[in-house]
Amino acid sequence: MKNRWISVVAILLGMYLIAYGFTEGEVNTVFSKAIKICLECIGIG
C-alpha cells in the first residue's frame, strides 16, 4: 500500500510541475533548446 501512495504522489507532483511549466511559458524555452541540441548533433548548428 505504501508503494501505491508514493506512486500517486509522484504522479500528482509531476502533473503539477508540468502545468506550472506551461503557465510560466517554459514550453518555448524547452523547444528552442531541443532544436539547438538536435542541430548541433547533426552538425548544422
N, C-alpha and C. Protein backbone atom coordinates (compact mmCIF):
# COMPACT_ATOMS: atom_id res chain seq x y z
N MET A 1 0.82 -1.20 0.00
CA MET A 1 0.00 0.00 0.00
C MET A 1 0.86 1.26 0.00
N LYS A 2 2.02 1.19 0.67
CA LYS A 2 2.90 2.34 0.74
C LYS A 2 3.45 2.70 -0.65
N ASN A 3 3.80 1.67 -1.45
CA ASN A 3 4.32 1.93 -2.79
C ASN A 3 3.28 2.60 -3.67
N ARG A 4 2.02 2.22 -3.53
CA ARG A 4 0.96 2.84 -4.31
C ARG A 4 0.82 4.31 -3.94
N TRP A 5 0.91 4.63 -2.66
CA TRP A 5 0.79 6.01 -2.20
C TRP A 5 1.93 6.85 -2.75
N ILE A 6 3.14 6.31 -2.73
CA ILE A 6 4.30 7.03 -3.26
C ILE A 6 4.13 7.27 -4.76
N SER A 7 3.61 6.29 -5.48
CA SER A 7 3.39 6.43 -6.91
C SER A 7 2.36 7.52 -7.21
N VAL A 8 1.29 7.54 -6.45
CA VAL A 8 0.25 8.55 -6.65
C VAL A 8 0.80 9.94 -6.38
N VAL A 9 1.56 10.09 -5.34
CA VAL A 9 2.15 11.39 -5.01
C VAL A 9 3.12 11.82 -6.11
N ALA A 10 3.93 10.90 -6.61
CA ALA A 10 4.89 11.23 -7.67
C ALA A 10 4.17 11.65 -8.95
N ILE A 11 3.10 10.96 -9.30
CA ILE A 11 2.34 11.32 -10.50
C ILE A 11 1.69 12.69 -10.33
N LEU A 12 1.10 12.94 -9.19
CA LEU A 12 0.46 14.24 -8.96
C LEU A 12 1.48 15.38 -8.97
N LEU A 13 2.64 15.14 -8.38
CA LEU A 13 3.70 16.15 -8.38
C LEU A 13 4.18 16.43 -9.80
N GLY A 14 4.35 15.38 -10.58
CA GLY A 14 4.75 15.55 -11.97
C GLY A 14 3.73 16.34 -12.78
N MET A 15 2.45 16.03 -12.57
CA MET A 15 1.40 16.76 -13.28
C MET A 15 1.39 18.23 -12.88
N TYR A 16 1.60 18.50 -11.60
CA TYR A 16 1.65 19.88 -11.13
C TYR A 16 2.81 20.64 -11.75
N LEU A 17 3.99 20.01 -11.78
CA LEU A 17 5.16 20.68 -12.33
C LEU A 17 5.03 20.92 -13.84
N ILE A 18 4.41 19.99 -14.55
CA ILE A 18 4.16 20.19 -15.98
C ILE A 18 3.22 21.36 -16.19
N ALA A 19 2.15 21.41 -15.42
CA ALA A 19 1.18 22.51 -15.54
C ALA A 19 1.84 23.83 -15.19
N TYR A 20 2.68 23.85 -14.18
CA TYR A 20 3.38 25.07 -13.79
C TYR A 20 4.31 25.54 -14.91
N GLY A 21 5.00 24.61 -15.55
CA GLY A 21 5.87 24.96 -16.66
C GLY A 21 5.11 25.56 -17.82
N PHE A 22 3.92 25.01 -18.11
CA PHE A 22 3.09 25.57 -19.18
C PHE A 22 2.67 26.99 -18.85
N THR A 23 2.27 27.23 -17.62
CA THR A 23 1.78 28.55 -17.25
C THR A 23 2.90 29.59 -17.22
N GLU A 24 4.13 29.16 -17.00
CA GLU A 24 5.26 30.09 -16.93
C GLU A 24 5.93 30.29 -18.29
N GLY A 25 5.43 29.64 -19.33
CA GLY A 25 5.99 29.82 -20.66
C GLY A 25 7.28 29.06 -20.91
N GLU A 26 7.52 28.01 -20.18
CA GLU A 26 8.76 27.25 -20.35
C GLU A 26 8.74 26.36 -21.58
N VAL A 27 7.58 26.19 -22.19
CA VAL A 27 7.48 25.33 -23.36
C VAL A 27 8.38 25.86 -24.48
N ASN A 28 8.34 27.15 -24.72
CA ASN A 28 9.17 27.75 -25.77
C ASN A 28 10.65 27.58 -25.47
N THR A 29 11.03 27.72 -24.23
CA THR A 29 12.43 27.57 -23.84
C THR A 29 12.90 26.15 -24.08
N VAL A 30 12.10 25.18 -23.68
CA VAL A 30 12.47 23.77 -23.85
C VAL A 30 12.59 23.43 -25.33
N PHE A 31 11.62 23.86 -26.13
CA PHE A 31 11.67 23.56 -27.56
C PHE A 31 12.86 24.22 -28.24
N SER A 32 13.17 25.45 -27.88
CA SER A 32 14.30 26.13 -28.53
C SER A 32 15.62 25.44 -28.16
N LYS A 33 15.76 25.01 -26.92
CA LYS A 33 16.98 24.29 -26.52
C LYS A 33 17.07 22.94 -27.21
N ALA A 34 15.93 22.25 -27.34
CA ALA A 34 15.92 20.95 -28.02
C ALA A 34 16.32 21.10 -29.48
N ILE A 35 15.83 22.13 -30.13
CA ILE A 35 16.18 22.36 -31.54
C ILE A 35 17.67 22.63 -31.67
N LYS A 36 18.23 23.45 -30.78
CA LYS A 36 19.66 23.76 -30.84
C LYS A 36 20.50 22.51 -30.64
N ILE A 37 20.10 21.66 -29.69
CA ILE A 37 20.86 20.43 -29.43
C ILE A 37 20.79 19.50 -30.63
N CYS A 38 19.61 19.37 -31.23
CA CYS A 38 19.48 18.49 -32.41
C CYS A 38 20.32 18.99 -33.57
N LEU A 39 20.30 20.30 -33.80
CA LEU A 39 21.09 20.85 -34.90
C LEU A 39 22.58 20.69 -34.66
N GLU A 40 23.01 20.78 -33.41
CA GLU A 40 24.42 20.60 -33.10
C GLU A 40 24.83 19.15 -33.30
N CYS A 41 23.93 18.22 -32.98
CA CYS A 41 24.26 16.79 -33.13
C CYS A 41 24.46 16.39 -34.58
N ILE A 42 23.69 16.98 -35.48
CA ILE A 42 23.84 16.62 -36.90
C ILE A 42 24.81 17.55 -37.61
N GLY A 43 25.36 18.51 -36.90
CA GLY A 43 26.43 19.33 -37.44
C GLY A 43 25.98 20.56 -38.21
N ILE A 44 24.74 20.95 -38.10
CA ILE A 44 24.28 22.13 -38.80
C ILE A 44 24.46 23.38 -37.95
N GLY A 45 24.14 23.27 -36.66
CA GLY A 45 24.16 24.45 -35.81
C GLY A 45 25.44 24.69 -35.22
